[in-house]
PDB file of N, CA and C in Angstrom:
ATOM      1  N   UNK A   1      29.147  35.019 221.426  1.00  0.00           N
ATOM      2  CA  UNK A   1      30.463  35.035 220.807  1.00  0.00           C
ATOM      3  C   UNK A   1      30.359  35.677 219.425  1.00  0.00           C
ATOM      4  N   UNK A   2      31.376  36.436 219.069  1.00  0.00           N
ATOM      5  CA  UNK A   2      31.450  37.034 217.739  1.00  0.00           C
ATOM      6  C   UNK A   2      31.659  35.932 216.699  1.00  0.00           C
ATOM      7  N   UNK A   3      31.341  36.251 215.460  1.00  0.00           N
ATOM      8  CA  UNK A   3      31.545  35.275 214.384  1.00  0.00           C
ATOM      9  C   UNK A   3      33.027  34.935 214.288  1.00  0.00           C
ATOM     10  N   UNK A   4      33.354  33.659 214.243  1.00  0.00           N
ATOM     11  CA  UNK A   4      34.767  33.290 214.131  1.00  0.00           C
ATOM     12  C   UNK A   4      35.312  33.625 212.750  1.00  0.00           C
ATOM     13  N   UNK A   5      36.603  33.960 212.701  1.00  0.00           N
ATOM     14  CA  UNK A   5      37.274  34.136 211.416  1.00  0.00           C
ATOM     15  C   UNK A   5      37.462  32.752 210.812  1.00  0.00           C
ATOM     16  N   UNK A   6      37.415  32.702 209.503  1.00  0.00           N
ATOM     17  CA  UNK A   6      37.557  31.439 208.791  1.00  0.00           C
ATOM     18  C   UNK A   6      38.803  31.490 207.915  1.00  0.00           C
ATOM     19  N   UNK A   7      39.380  30.317 207.669  1.00  0.00           N
ATOM     20  CA  UNK A   7      40.572  30.253 206.820  1.00  0.00           C
ATOM     21  C   UNK A   7      40.422  29.084 205.842  1.00  0.00           C
ATOM     22  N   UNK A   8      40.573  29.388 204.546  1.00  0.00           N
ATOM     23  CA  UNK A   8      40.596  28.354 203.531  1.00  0.00           C
ATOM     24  C   UNK A   8      41.990  27.746 203.513  1.00  0.00           C
ATOM     25  N   UNK A   9      42.096  26.462 203.809  1.00  0.00           N
ATOM     26  CA  UNK A   9      43.400  25.803 203.851  1.00  0.00           C
ATOM     27  C   UNK A   9      43.918  25.557 202.438  1.00  0.00           C
ATOM     28  N   UNK A  10      45.236  25.609 202.276  1.00  0.00           N
ATOM     29  CA  UNK A  10      45.866  25.451 200.966  1.00  0.00           C
ATOM     30  C   UNK A  10      45.823  24.004 200.466  1.00  0.00           C
ATOM     31  N   UNK A  11      45.845  23.047 201.366  1.00  0.00           N
ATOM     32  CA  UNK A  11      45.858  21.631 200.996  1.00  0.00           C
ATOM     33  C   UNK A  11      44.521  21.226 200.391  1.00  0.00           C
ATOM     34  N   UNK A  12      44.568  20.416 199.343  1.00  0.00           N
ATOM     35  CA  UNK A  12      43.381  19.775 198.784  1.00  0.00           C
ATOM     36  C   UNK A  12      43.340  18.367 199.373  1.00  0.00           C
ATOM     37  N   UNK A  13      42.145  17.945 199.775  1.00  0.00           N
ATOM     38  CA  UNK A  13      42.008  16.704 200.545  1.00  0.00           C
ATOM     39  C   UNK A  13      41.278  15.605 199.791  1.00  0.00           C
ATOM     40  N   UNK A  14      41.507  14.383 200.260  1.00  0.00           N
ATOM     41  CA  UNK A  14      40.758  13.205 199.840  1.00  0.00           C
ATOM     42  C   UNK A  14      40.149  12.582 201.086  1.00  0.00           C
ATOM     43  N   UNK A  15      39.050  11.872 200.883  1.00  0.00           N
ATOM     44  CA  UNK A  15      38.397  11.133 201.955  1.00  0.00           C
ATOM     45  C   UNK A  15      38.317   9.683 201.501  1.00  0.00           C
ATOM     46  N   UNK A  16      38.870   8.797 202.301  1.00  0.00           N
ATOM     47  CA  UNK A  16      38.868   7.375 201.982  1.00  0.00           C
ATOM     48  C   UNK A  16      37.988   6.618 202.967  1.00  0.00           C
ATOM     49  N   UNK A  17      37.328   5.590 202.467  1.00  0.00           N
ATOM     50  CA  UNK A  17      36.632   4.615 203.306  1.00  0.00           C
ATOM     51  C   UNK A  17      37.484   3.354 203.249  1.00  0.00           C
ATOM     52  N   UNK A  18      37.868   2.853 204.417  1.00  0.00           N
ATOM     53  CA  UNK A  18      38.720   1.663 204.472  1.00  0.00           C
ATOM     54  C   UNK A  18      38.087   0.604 205.346  1.00  0.00           C
ATOM     55  N   UNK A  19      38.590  -0.612 205.198  1.00  0.00           N
ATOM     56  CA  UNK A  19      38.198  -1.676 206.104  1.00  0.00           C
ATOM     57  C   UNK A  19      38.751  -1.382 207.488  1.00  0.00           C
ATOM     58  N   UNK A  20      38.198  -2.018 208.470  1.00  0.00           N
ATOM     59  CA  UNK A  20      38.583  -1.775 209.858  1.00  0.00           C
ATOM     60  C   UNK A  20      40.072  -2.009 210.093  1.00  0.00           C
ATOM     61  N   UNK A  21      40.658  -2.962 209.422  1.00  0.00           N
ATOM     62  CA  UNK A  21      42.050  -3.327 209.660  1.00  0.00           C
ATOM     63  C   UNK A  21      42.997  -2.816 208.564  1.00  0.00           C
ATOM     64  N   UNK A  22      42.513  -1.967 207.655  1.00  0.00           N
ATOM     65  CA  UNK A  22      43.358  -1.479 206.576  1.00  0.00           C
ATOM     66  C   UNK A  22      44.464  -0.596 207.140  1.00  0.00           C
ATOM     67  N   UNK A  23      45.726  -0.925 206.856  1.00  0.00           N
ATOM     68  CA  UNK A  23      46.818  -0.077 207.352  1.00  0.00           C
ATOM     69  C   UNK A  23      46.882   1.225 206.556  1.00  0.00           C
ATOM     70  N   UNK A  24      47.234   2.314 207.230  1.00  0.00           N
ATOM     71  CA  UNK A  24      47.382   3.595 206.533  1.00  0.00           C
ATOM     72  C   UNK A  24      48.813   3.799 206.064  1.00  0.00           C
ATOM     73  N   UNK A  25      49.717   2.894 206.415  1.00  0.00           N
ATOM     74  CA  UNK A  25      51.092   2.956 205.927  1.00  0.00           C
ATOM     75  C   UNK A  25      51.754   4.292 206.202  1.00  0.00           C
ATOM     76  N   UNK A  26      52.324   4.881 205.152  1.00  0.00           N
ATOM     77  CA  UNK A  26      53.036   6.156 205.269  1.00  0.00           C
ATOM     78  C   UNK A  26      52.123   7.357 205.077  1.00  0.00           C
ATOM     79  N   UNK A  27      50.832   7.127 204.989  1.00  0.00           N
ATOM     80  CA  UNK A  27      49.884   8.211 204.751  1.00  0.00           C
ATOM     81  C   UNK A  27      49.926   9.226 205.889  1.00  0.00           C
ATOM     82  N   UNK A  28      50.080  10.499 205.534  1.00  0.00           N
ATOM     83  CA  UNK A  28      50.000  11.568 206.526  1.00  0.00           C
ATOM     84  C   UNK A  28      48.515  11.867 206.726  1.00  0.00           C
ATOM     85  N   UNK A  29      47.979  11.431 207.846  1.00  0.00           N
ATOM     86  CA  UNK A  29      46.548  11.488 208.109  1.00  0.00           C
ATOM     87  C   UNK A  29      46.178  12.819 208.768  1.00  0.00           C
ATOM     88  N   UNK A  30      45.168  13.491 208.219  1.00  0.00           N
ATOM     89  CA  UNK A  30      44.618  14.692 208.841  1.00  0.00           C
ATOM     90  C   UNK A  30      43.609  14.283 209.914  1.00  0.00           C
ATOM     91  N   UNK A  31      42.762  13.310 209.586  1.00  0.00           N
ATOM     92  CA  UNK A  31      41.770  12.819 210.550  1.00  0.00           C
ATOM     93  C   UNK A  31      41.485  11.351 210.262  1.00  0.00           C
ATOM     94  N   UNK A  32      41.245  10.603 211.314  1.00  0.00           N
ATOM     95  CA  UNK A  32      40.868   9.198 211.215  1.00  0.00           C
ATOM     96  C   UNK A  32      39.663   8.987 212.113  1.00  0.00           C
ATOM     97  N   UNK A  33      38.588   8.516 211.522  1.00  0.00           N
ATOM     98  CA  UNK A  33      37.377   8.237 212.294  1.00  0.00           C
ATOM     99  C   UNK A  33      37.165   6.735 212.265  1.00  0.00           C
ATOM    100  N   UNK A  34      37.297   6.097 213.416  1.00  0.00           N
ATOM    101  CA  UNK A  34      37.155   4.654 213.524  1.00  0.00           C
ATOM    102  C   UNK A  34      35.720   4.322 213.900  1.00  0.00           C
ATOM    103  N   UNK A  35      35.008   3.728 212.960  1.00  0.00           N
ATOM    104  CA  UNK A  35      33.632   3.311 213.219  1.00  0.00           C
ATOM    105  C   UNK A  35      33.619   1.818 213.522  1.00  0.00           C
ATOM    106  N   UNK A  36      32.438   1.249 213.705  1.00  0.00           N
ATOM    107  CA  UNK A  36      32.348  -0.156 214.099  1.00  0.00           C
ATOM    108  C   UNK A  36      32.952  -1.101 213.060  1.00  0.00           C
ATOM    109  N   UNK A  37      32.628  -0.888 211.769  1.00  0.00           N
ATOM    110  CA  UNK A  37      33.072  -1.823 210.734  1.00  0.00           C
ATOM    111  C   UNK A  37      34.012  -1.224 209.694  1.00  0.00           C
ATOM    112  N   UNK A  38      34.115   0.094 209.643  1.00  0.00           N
ATOM    113  CA  UNK A  38      34.966   0.762 208.654  1.00  0.00           C
ATOM    114  C   UNK A  38      35.661   1.956 209.290  1.00  0.00           C
ATOM    115  N   UNK A  39      36.658   2.463 208.592  1.00  0.00           N
ATOM    116  CA  UNK A  39      37.329   3.698 208.995  1.00  0.00           C
ATOM    117  C   UNK A  39      37.127   4.741 207.910  1.00  0.00           C
ATOM    118  N   UNK A  40      37.065   5.986 208.305  1.00  0.00           N
ATOM    119  CA  UNK A  40      37.090   7.101 207.373  1.00  0.00           C
ATOM    120  C   UNK A  40      38.413   7.815 207.607  1.00  0.00           C
ATOM    121  N   UNK A  41      39.170   7.995 206.537  1.00  0.00           N
ATOM    122  CA  UNK A  41      40.492   8.608 206.615  1.00  0.00           C
ATOM    123  C   UNK A  41      40.489   9.864 205.752  1.00  0.00           C
ATOM    124  N   UNK A  42      41.003  10.971 206.292  1.00  0.00           N
ATOM    125  CA  UNK A  42      41.115  12.215 205.539  1.00  0.00           C
ATOM    126  C   UNK A  42      42.584  12.596 205.492  1.00  0.00           C
ATOM    127  N   UNK A  43      43.070  12.880 204.285  1.00  0.00           N
ATOM    128  CA  UNK A  43      44.458  13.278 204.097  1.00  0.00           C
ATOM    129  C   UNK A  43      44.604  14.023 202.784  1.00  0.00           C
ATOM    130  N   UNK A  44      45.808  14.430 202.468  1.00  0.00           N
ATOM    131  CA  UNK A  44      46.081  15.142 201.220  1.00  0.00           C
ATOM    132  C   UNK A  44      45.704  14.267 200.035  1.00  0.00           C
ATOM    133  N   UNK A  45      45.045  14.869 199.032  1.00  0.00           N
ATOM    134  CA  UNK A  45      44.617  14.071 197.881  1.00  0.00           C
ATOM    135  C   UNK A  45      45.790  13.603 197.031  1.00  0.00           C
ATOM    136  N   UNK A  46      46.986  14.150 197.260  1.00  0.00           N
ATOM    137  CA  UNK A  46      48.173  13.742 196.512  1.00  0.00           C
ATOM    138  C   UNK A  46      48.693  12.380 196.988  1.00  0.00           C
ATOM    139  N   UNK A  47      48.164  11.896 198.103  1.00  0.00           N
ATOM    140  CA  UNK A  47      48.620  10.635 198.676  1.00  0.00           C
ATOM    141  C   UNK A  47      47.795   9.468 198.136  1.00  0.00           C
ATOM    142  N   UNK A  48      48.261   8.284 198.412  1.00  0.00           N
ATOM    143  CA  UNK A  48      47.593   7.077 197.942  1.00  0.00           C
ATOM    144  C   UNK A  48      47.314   6.143 199.112  1.00  0.00           C
ATOM    145  N   UNK A  49      46.166   5.526 199.074  1.00  0.00           N
ATOM    146  CA  UNK A  49      45.800   4.501 200.048  1.00  0.00           C
ATOM    147  C   UNK A  49      45.230   3.334 199.239  1.00  0.00           C
ATOM    148  N   UNK A  50      46.126   2.471 198.698  1.00  0.00           N
ATOM    149  CA  UNK A  50      45.720   1.477 197.699  1.00  0.00           C
ATOM    150  C   UNK A  50      44.662   0.476 198.156  1.00  0.00           C
ATOM    151  N   UNK A  51      44.590   0.189 199.441  1.00  0.00           N
ATOM    152  CA  UNK A  51      43.631  -0.806 199.916  1.00  0.00           C
ATOM    153  C   UNK A  51      42.286  -0.201 200.320  1.00  0.00           C
ATOM    154  N   UNK A  52      42.062   1.064 199.981  1.00  0.00           N
ATOM    155  CA  UNK A  52      40.804   1.722 200.343  1.00  0.00           C
ATOM    156  C   UNK A  52      39.636   1.101 199.581  1.00  0.00           C
ATOM    157  N   UNK A  53      38.474   1.062 200.207  1.00  0.00           N
ATOM    158  CA  UNK A  53      37.262   0.560 199.576  1.00  0.00           C
ATOM    159  C   UNK A  53      36.672   1.607 198.641  1.00  0.00           C
ATOM    160  N   UNK A  54      36.755   2.887 199.046  1.00  0.00           N
ATOM    161  CA  UNK A  54      36.252   4.003 198.246  1.00  0.00           C
ATOM    162  C   UNK A  54      37.129   5.218 198.486  1.00  0.00           C
ATOM    163  N   UNK A  55      37.124   6.134 197.498  1.00  0.00           N
ATOM    164  CA  UNK A  55      37.888   7.374 197.641  1.00  0.00           C
ATOM    165  C   UNK A  55      37.124   8.510 196.972  1.00  0.00           C
ATOM    166  N   UNK A  56      37.054   9.626 197.662  1.00  0.00           N
ATOM    167  CA  UNK A  56      36.515  10.864 197.109  1.00  0.00           C
ATOM    168  C   UNK A  56      37.631  11.890 197.246  1.00  0.00           C
ATOM    169  N   UNK A  57      38.151  12.405 196.109  1.00  0.00           N
ATOM    170  CA  UNK A  57      39.404  13.141 196.209  1.00  0.00           C
ATOM    171  C   UNK A  57      39.360  14.602 195.797  1.00  0.00           C
ATOM    172  N   UNK A  58      38.247  15.238 195.957  1.00  0.00           N
ATOM    173  CA  UNK A  58      38.171  16.635 195.541  1.00  0.00           C
ATOM    174  C   UNK A  58      37.584  17.519 196.631  1.00  0.00           C
ATOM    175  N   UNK A  59      38.258  17.627 197.766  1.00  0.00           N
ATOM    176  CA  UNK A  59      37.748  18.373 198.910  1.00  0.00           C
ATOM    177  C   UNK A  59      38.662  19.527 199.288  1.00  0.00           C
ATOM    178  N   UNK A  60      38.066  20.644 199.639  1.00  0.00           N
ATOM    179  CA  UNK A  60      38.761  21.796 200.204  1.00  0.00           C
ATOM    180  C   UNK A  60      38.341  21.900 201.667  1.00  0.00           C
ATOM    181  N   UNK A  61      39.172  22.513 202.497  1.00  0.00           N
ATOM    182  CA  UNK A  61      38.848  22.637 203.916  1.00  0.00           C
ATOM    183  C   UNK A  61      38.834  24.099 204.342  1.00  0.00           C
ATOM    184  N   UNK A  62      37.818  24.423 205.124  1.00  0.00           N
ATOM    185  CA  UNK A  62      37.714  25.737 205.753  1.00  0.00           C
ATOM    186  C   UNK A  62      37.844  25.510 207.257  1.00  0.00           C
ATOM    187  N   UNK A  63      38.819  26.179 207.854  1.00  0.00           N
ATOM    188  CA  UNK A  63      39.066  26.063 209.296  1.00  0.00           C
ATOM    189  C   UNK A  63      38.430  27.240 210.014  1.00  0.00           C
ATOM    190  N   UNK A  64      37.756  26.984 211.119  1.00  0.00           N
ATOM    191  CA  UNK A  64      37.335  28.066 212.007  1.00  0.00           C
ATOM    192  C   UNK A  64      38.598  28.496 212.715  1.00  0.00           C
ATOM    193  N   UNK A  65      39.111  29.659 212.354  1.00  0.00           N
ATOM    194  CA  UNK A  65      40.459  30.083 212.732  1.00  0.00           C
ATOM    195  C   UNK A  65      40.470  30.737 214.113  1.00  0.00           C
ATOM    196  N   UNK A  66      40.057  29.969 215.086  1.00  0.00           N
ATOM    197  CA  UNK A  66      40.010  30.417 216.474  1.00  0.00           C
ATOM    198  C   UNK A  66      39.974  29.192 217.369  1.00  0.00           C
ATOM    199  N   UNK A  67      40.332  29.351 218.621  1.00  0.00           N
ATOM    200  CA  UNK A  67      40.195  28.270 219.598  1.00  0.00           C
ATOM    201  C   UNK A  67      38.811  28.392 220.208  1.00  0.00           C
ATOM    202  N   UNK A  68      38.052  27.318 220.119  1.00  0.00           N
ATOM    203  CA  UNK A  68      36.691  27.294 220.638  1.00  0.00           C
ATOM    204  C   UNK A  68      36.672  26.651 222.018  1.00  0.00           C
ATOM    205  N   UNK A  69      35.831  27.172 222.876  1.00  0.00           N
ATOM    206  CA  UNK A  69      35.619  26.583 224.191  1.00  0.00           C
ATOM    207  C   UNK A  69      34.587  25.461 224.030  1.00  0.00           C
ATOM    208  N   UNK A  70      34.860  24.306 224.608  1.00  0.00           N
ATOM    209  CA  UNK A  70      33.964  23.165 224.438  1.00  0.00           C
ATOM    210  C   UNK A  70      32.589  23.385 225.069  1.00  0.00           C
ATOM    211  N   UNK A  71      32.447  24.395 225.897  1.00  0.00           N
ATOM    212  CA  UNK A  71      31.138  24.658 226.508  1.00  0.00           C
ATOM    213  C   UNK A  71      30.256  25.531 225.609  1.00  0.00           C
ATOM    214  N   UNK A  72      30.837  26.105 224.545  1.00  0.00           N
ATOM    215  CA  UNK A  72      30.059  26.945 223.637  1.00  0.00           C
ATOM    216  C   UNK A  72      29.187  26.070 222.738  1.00  0.00           C
ATOM    217  N   UNK A  73      28.019  26.574 222.408  1.00  0.00           N
ATOM    218  CA  UNK A  73      27.132  25.812 221.537  1.00  0.00           C
ATOM    219  C   UNK A  73      26.624  26.699 220.405  1.00  0.00           C
ATOM    220  N   UNK A  74      26.249  26.060 219.311  1.00  0.00           N
ATOM    221  CA  UNK A  74      25.628  26.748 218.195  1.00  0.00           C
ATOM    222  C   UNK A  74      26.588  27.332 217.178  1.00  0.00           C
ATOM    223  N   UNK A  75      27.893  27.253 217.421  1.00  0.00           N
ATOM    224  CA  UNK A  75      28.857  27.874 216.508  1.00  0.00           C
ATOM    225  C   UNK A  75      28.877  27.150 215.164  1.00  0.00           C
ATOM    226  N   UNK A  76      28.997  25.844 215.182  1.00  0.00           N
ATOM    227  CA  UNK A  76      29.032  25.086 213.935  1.00  0.00           C
ATOM    228  C   UNK A  76      27.715  25.239 213.182  1.00  0.00           C
ATOM    229  N   UNK A  77      26.617  25.244 213.904  1.00  0.00           N
ATOM    230  CA  UNK A  77      25.309  25.452 213.276  1.00  0.00           C
ATOM    231  C   UNK A  77      25.245  26.810 212.586  1.00  0.00           C
ATOM    232  N   UNK A  78      25.745  27.848 213.236  1.00  0.00           N
ATOM    233  CA  UNK A  78      25.695  29.194 212.667  1.00  0.00           C
ATOM    234  C   UNK A  78      26.549  29.298 211.401  1.00  0.00           C
ATOM    235  N   UNK A  79      27.709  28.655 211.407  1.00  0.00           N
ATOM    236  CA  UNK A  79      28.600  28.728 210.245  1.00  0.00           C
ATOM    237  C   UNK A  79      28.054  27.888 209.087  1.00  0.00           C
ATOM    238  N   UNK A  80      27.440  26.774 209.388  1.00  0.00           N
ATOM    239  CA  UNK A  80      26.964  25.904 208.308  1.00  0.00           C
ATOM    240  C   UNK A  80      25.596  26.318 207.768  1.00  0.00           C
ATOM    241  N   UNK A  81      24.845  27.127 208.496  1.00  0.00           N
ATOM    242  CA  UNK A  81      23.508  27.536 208.033  1.00  0.00           C
ATOM    243  C   UNK A  81      23.542  28.228 206.671  1.00  0.00           C
ATOM    244  N   UNK A  82      24.457  29.186 206.418  1.00  0.00           N
ATOM    245  CA  UNK A  82      24.501  29.806 205.089  1.00  0.00           C
ATOM    246  C   UNK A  82      24.851  28.807 203.980  1.00  0.00           C
ATOM    247  N   UNK A  83      25.648  27.807 204.324  1.00  0.00           N
ATOM    248  CA  UNK A  83      26.005  26.783 203.344  1.00  0.00           C
ATOM    249  C   UNK A  83      24.799  25.906 203.026  1.00  0.00           C
ATOM    250  N   UNK A  84      24.055  25.525 204.047  1.00  0.00           N
ATOM    251  CA  UNK A  84      22.846  24.735 203.831  1.00  0.00           C
ATOM    252  C   UNK A  84      21.834  25.515 202.998  1.00  0.00           C
ATOM    253  N   UNK A  85      21.676  26.798 203.304  1.00  0.00           N
ATOM    254  CA  UNK A  85      20.737  27.634 202.553  1.00  0.00           C
ATOM    255  C   UNK A  85      21.137  27.743 201.076  1.00  0.00           C
ATOM    256  N   UNK A  86      22.439  27.639 200.806  1.00  0.00           N
ATOM    257  CA  UNK A  86      22.934  27.704 199.427  1.00  0.00           C
ATOM    258  C   UNK A  86      22.974  26.329 198.764  1.00  0.00           C
ATOM    259  N   UNK A  87      22.534  25.290 199.487  1.00  0.00           N
ATOM    260  CA  UNK A  87      22.502  23.936 198.930  1.00  0.00           C
ATOM    261  C   UNK A  87      23.862  23.275 198.835  1.00  0.00           C
ATOM    262  N   UNK A  88      24.781  23.669 199.726  1.00  0.00           N
ATOM    263  CA  UNK A  88      26.143  23.135 199.697  1.00  0.00           C
ATOM    264  C   UNK A  88      26.294  22.048 200.755  1.00  0.00           C
ATOM    265  N   UNK A  89      26.693  20.870 200.309  1.00  0.00           N
ATOM    266  CA  UNK A  89      26.920  19.742 201.202  1.00  0.00           C
ATOM    267  C   UNK A  89      28.310  19.872 201.823  1.00  0.00           C
ATOM    268  N   UNK A  90      28.430  19.504 203.083  1.00  0.00           N
ATOM    269  CA  UNK A  90      29.721  19.588 203.780  1.00  0.00           C
ATOM    270  C   UNK A  90      29.999  18.308 204.555  1.00  0.00           C
ATOM    271  N   UNK A  91      31.240  18.165 204.937  1.00  0.00           N
ATOM    272  CA  UNK A  91      31.679  17.166 205.904  1.00  0.00           C
ATOM    273  C   UNK A  91      32.322  17.966 207.019  1.00  0.00           C
ATOM    274  N   UNK A  92      31.782  17.897 208.224  1.00  0.00           N
ATOM    275  CA  UNK A  92      32.312  18.669 209.356  1.00  0.00           C
ATOM    276  C   UNK A  92      33.126  17.756 210.269  1.00  0.00           C
ATOM    277  N   UNK A  93      34.288  18.251 210.675  1.00  0.00           N
ATOM    278  CA  UNK A  93      35.164  17.538 211.601  1.00  0.00           C
ATOM    279  C   UNK A  93      35.490  18.501 212.743  1.00  0.00           C
ATOM    280  N   UNK A  94      35.327  18.024 213.959  1.00  0.00           N
ATOM    281  CA  UNK A  94      35.656  18.846 215.127  1.00  0.00           C
ATOM    282  C   UNK A  94      36.876  18.276 215.821  1.00  0.00           C
ATOM    283  N   UNK A  95      37.770  19.156 216.208  1.00  0.00           N
ATOM    284  CA  UNK A  95      38.929  18.764 217.009  1.00  0.00           C
ATOM    285  C   UNK A  95      38.700  19.301 218.425  1.00  0.00           C
ATOM    286  N   UNK A  96      39.682  19.132 219.280  1.00  0.00           N
ATOM    287  CA  UNK A  96      39.544  19.634 220.647  1.00  0.00           C
ATOM    288  C   UNK A  96      39.388  21.146 220.653  1.00  0.00           C
ATOM    289  N   UNK A  97      40.126  21.847 219.775  1.00  0.00           N
ATOM    290  CA  UNK A  97      40.157  23.304 219.791  1.00  0.00           C
ATOM    291  C   UNK A  97      39.264  24.005 218.780  1.00  0.00           C
ATOM    292  N   UNK A  98      38.973  23.353 217.649  1.00  0.00           N
ATOM    293  CA  UNK A  98      38.251  24.072 216.591  1.00  0.00           C
ATOM    294  C   UNK A  98      37.503  23.108 215.685  1.00  0.00           C
ATOM    295  N   UNK A  99      36.897  23.644 214.645  1.00  0.00           N
ATOM    296  CA  UNK A  99      36.135  22.854 213.687  1.00  0.00           C
ATOM    297  C   UNK A  99      36.677  23.085 212.285  1.00  0.00           C
ATOM    298  N   UNK A 100      36.465  22.101 211.429  1.00  0.00           N
ATOM    299  CA  UNK A 100      36.849  22.163 210.023  1.00  0.00           C
ATOM    300  C   UNK A 100      35.644  21.786 209.183  1.00  0.00           C
ATOM    301  N   UNK A 101      35.436  22.518 208.096  1.00  0.00           N
ATOM    302  CA  UNK A 101      34.368  22.213 207.156  1.00  0.00           C
ATOM    303  C   UNK A 101      35.005  21.778 205.842  1.00  0.00           C
ATOM    304  N   UNK A 102      34.713  20.589 205.402  1.00  0.00           N
ATOM    305  CA  UNK A 102      35.206  20.104 204.122  1.00  0.00           C
ATOM    306  C   UNK A 102      34.099  20.300 203.095  1.00  0.00           C
ATOM    307  N   UNK A 103      34.464  20.985 202.014  1.00  0.00           N
ATOM    308  CA  UNK A 103      33.523  21.340 200.958  1.00  0.00           C
ATOM    309  C   UNK A 103      34.082  20.814 199.645  1.00  0.00           C
ATOM    310  N   UNK A 104      33.229  20.254 198.815  1.00  0.00           N
ATOM    311  CA  UNK A 104      33.669  19.772 197.518  1.00  0.00           C
ATOM    312  C   UNK A 104      34.287  20.899 196.702  1.00  0.00           C
ATOM    313  N   UNK A 105      35.348  20.574 195.965  1.00  0.00           N
ATOM    314  CA  UNK A 105      36.058  21.568 195.165  1.00  0.00           C
ATOM    315  C   UNK A 105      35.117  22.309 194.209  1.00  0.00           C
ATOM    316  N   UNK A 106      34.131  21.610 193.653  1.00  0.00           N
ATOM    317  CA  UNK A 106      33.183  22.244 192.731  1.00  0.00           C
ATOM    318  C   UNK A 106      32.309  23.288 193.418  1.00  0.00           C
ATOM    319  N   UNK A 107      32.157  23.191 194.742  1.00  0.00           N
ATOM    320  CA  UNK A 107      31.276  24.103 195.486  1.00  0.00           C
ATOM    321  C   UNK A 107      32.021  25.163 196.289  1.00  0.00           C
ATOM    322  N   UNK A 108      33.367  25.141 196.284  1.00  0.00           N
ATOM    323  CA  UNK A 108      34.093  26.019 197.204  1.00  0.00           C
ATOM    324  C   UNK A 108      33.869  27.502 196.900  1.00  0.00           C
ATOM    325  N   UNK A 109      33.801  27.877 195.635  1.00  0.00           N
ATOM    326  CA  UNK A 109      33.552  29.287 195.297  1.00  0.00           C
ATOM    327  C   UNK A 109      32.191  29.746 195.805  1.00  0.00           C
ATOM    328  N   UNK A 110      31.192  28.920 195.600  1.00  0.00           N
ATOM    329  CA  UNK A 110      29.833  29.212 196.074  1.00  0.00           C
ATOM    330  C   UNK A 110      29.804  29.268 197.614  1.00  0.00           C
ATOM    331  N   UNK A 111      30.568  28.389 198.254  1.00  0.00           N
ATOM    332  CA  UNK A 111      30.624  28.371 199.721  1.00  0.00           C
ATOM    333  C   UNK A 111      31.250  29.655 200.258  1.00  0.00           C
ATOM    334  N   UNK A 112      32.335  30.087 199.638  1.00  0.00           N
ATOM    335  CA  UNK A 112      33.001  31.323 200.067  1.00  0.00           C
ATOM    336  C   UNK A 112      32.052  32.507 199.916  1.00  0.00           C
ATOM    337  N   UNK A 113      31.354  32.577 198.796  1.00  0.00           N
ATOM    338  CA  UNK A 113      30.385  33.656 198.578  1.00  0.00           C
ATOM    339  C   UNK A 113      29.298  33.647 199.651  1.00  0.00           C
ATOM    340  N   UNK A 114      28.759  32.467 199.956  1.00  0.00           N
ATOM    341  CA  UNK A 114      27.685  32.356 200.946  1.00  0.00           C
ATOM    342  C   UNK A 114      28.163  32.784 202.333  1.00  0.00           C
ATOM    343  N   UNK A 115      29.374  32.377 202.697  1.00  0.00           N
ATOM    344  CA  UNK A 115      29.910  32.735 204.016  1.00  0.00           C
ATOM    345  C   UNK A 115      30.196  34.227 204.126  1.00  0.00           C
ATOM    346  N   UNK A 116      30.773  34.785 203.095  1.00  0.00           N
ATOM    347  CA  UNK A 116      31.050  36.231 203.113  1.00  0.00           C
ATOM    348  C   UNK A 116      29.747  37.028 203.129  1.00  0.00           C
ATOM    349  N   UNK A 117      28.744  36.592 202.373  1.00  0.00           N
ATOM    350  CA  UNK A 117      27.444  37.269 202.368  1.00  0.00           C
ATOM    351  C   UNK A 117      26.789  37.222 203.743  1.00  0.00           C
ATOM    352  N   UNK A 118      27.116  36.178 204.523  1.00  0.00           N
ATOM    353  CA  UNK A 118      26.579  36.037 205.880  1.00  0.00           C
ATOM    354  C   UNK A 118      27.416  36.791 206.909  1.00  0.00           C
ATOM    355  N   UNK A 119      28.443  37.505 206.451  1.00  0.00           N
ATOM    356  CA  UNK A 119      29.233  38.331 207.350  1.00  0.00           C
ATOM    357  C   UNK A 119      30.482  37.690 207.915  1.00  0.00           C
ATOM    358  N   UNK A 120      30.898  36.549 207.381  1.00  0.00           N
ATOM    359  CA  UNK A 120      32.109  35.892 207.870  1.00  0.00           C
ATOM    360  C   UNK A 120      33.329  36.422 207.128  1.00  0.00           C
ATOM    361  N   UNK A 121      34.398  36.640 207.867  1.00  0.00           N
ATOM    362  CA  UNK A 121      35.686  37.024 207.294  1.00  0.00           C
ATOM    363  C   UNK A 121      36.427  35.742 206.973  1.00  0.00           C
ATOM    364  N   UNK A 122      36.851  35.602 205.730  1.00  0.00           N
ATOM    365  CA  UNK A 122      37.497  34.371 205.294  1.00  0.00           C
ATOM    366  C   UNK A 122      38.815  34.699 204.606  1.00  0.00           C
ATOM    367  N   UNK A 123      39.919  34.187 205.158  1.00  0.00           N
ATOM    368  CA  UNK A 123      41.231  34.401 204.555  1.00  0.00           C
ATOM    369  C   UNK A 123      41.642  33.126 203.817  1.00  0.00           C
ATOM    370  N   UNK A 124      42.656  33.250 202.993  1.00  0.00           N
ATOM    371  CA  UNK A 124      43.132  32.149 202.186  1.00  0.00           C
ATOM    372  C   UNK A 124      44.548  31.813 202.621  1.00  0.00           C
ATOM    373  N   UNK A 125      44.752  30.615 203.150  1.00  0.00           N
ATOM    374  CA  UNK A 125      46.068  30.189 203.636  1.00  0.00           C
ATOM    375  C   UNK A 125      47.112  30.231 202.517  1.00  0.00           C
ATOM    376  N   UNK A 126      46.670  30.025 201.279  1.00  0.00           N
ATOM    377  CA  UNK A 126      47.590  30.015 200.162  1.00  0.00           C
ATOM    378  C   UNK A 126      47.924  31.392 199.629  1.00  0.00           C
ATOM    379  N   UNK A 127      47.213  32.427 200.095  1.00  0.00           N
ATOM    380  CA  UNK A 127      47.480  33.781 199.603  1.00  0.00           C
ATOM    381  C   UNK A 127      48.749  34.321 200.250  1.00  0.00           C
ATOM    382  N   UNK A 128      49.572  34.955 199.424  1.00  0.00           N
ATOM    383  CA  UNK A 128      50.855  35.343 199.873  1.00  0.00           C
ATOM    384  C   UNK A 128      51.074  36.553 200.606  1.00  0.00           C
TER     385      UNK A 128
END
């Protein structure tokens, strides 16, 4: 498969750690990961989740801007390898159709440089 096109999403995200029974209320949730004893919630950093145990609120998201076939392998590894080589920590989320890479706001410029240097085309959702 050819290298997927990437898109920097305009939304800035937060990641919350909540108790298993913590209600998300009116929070517009991007992703919810239900683990055995806690939940991880990802949503816009402009929102509030007052009962959260922890919050990290400075994340940008890069979307693999293509529909991936679930039988394909190695795509996420190939995209994250340049980031790992540059010492950039990520949080990866996979959906049915594609993958998302969450990168700390302080590292997003370095991440974009590393991906472009590796031959990835990256567009900006916020660019007009």
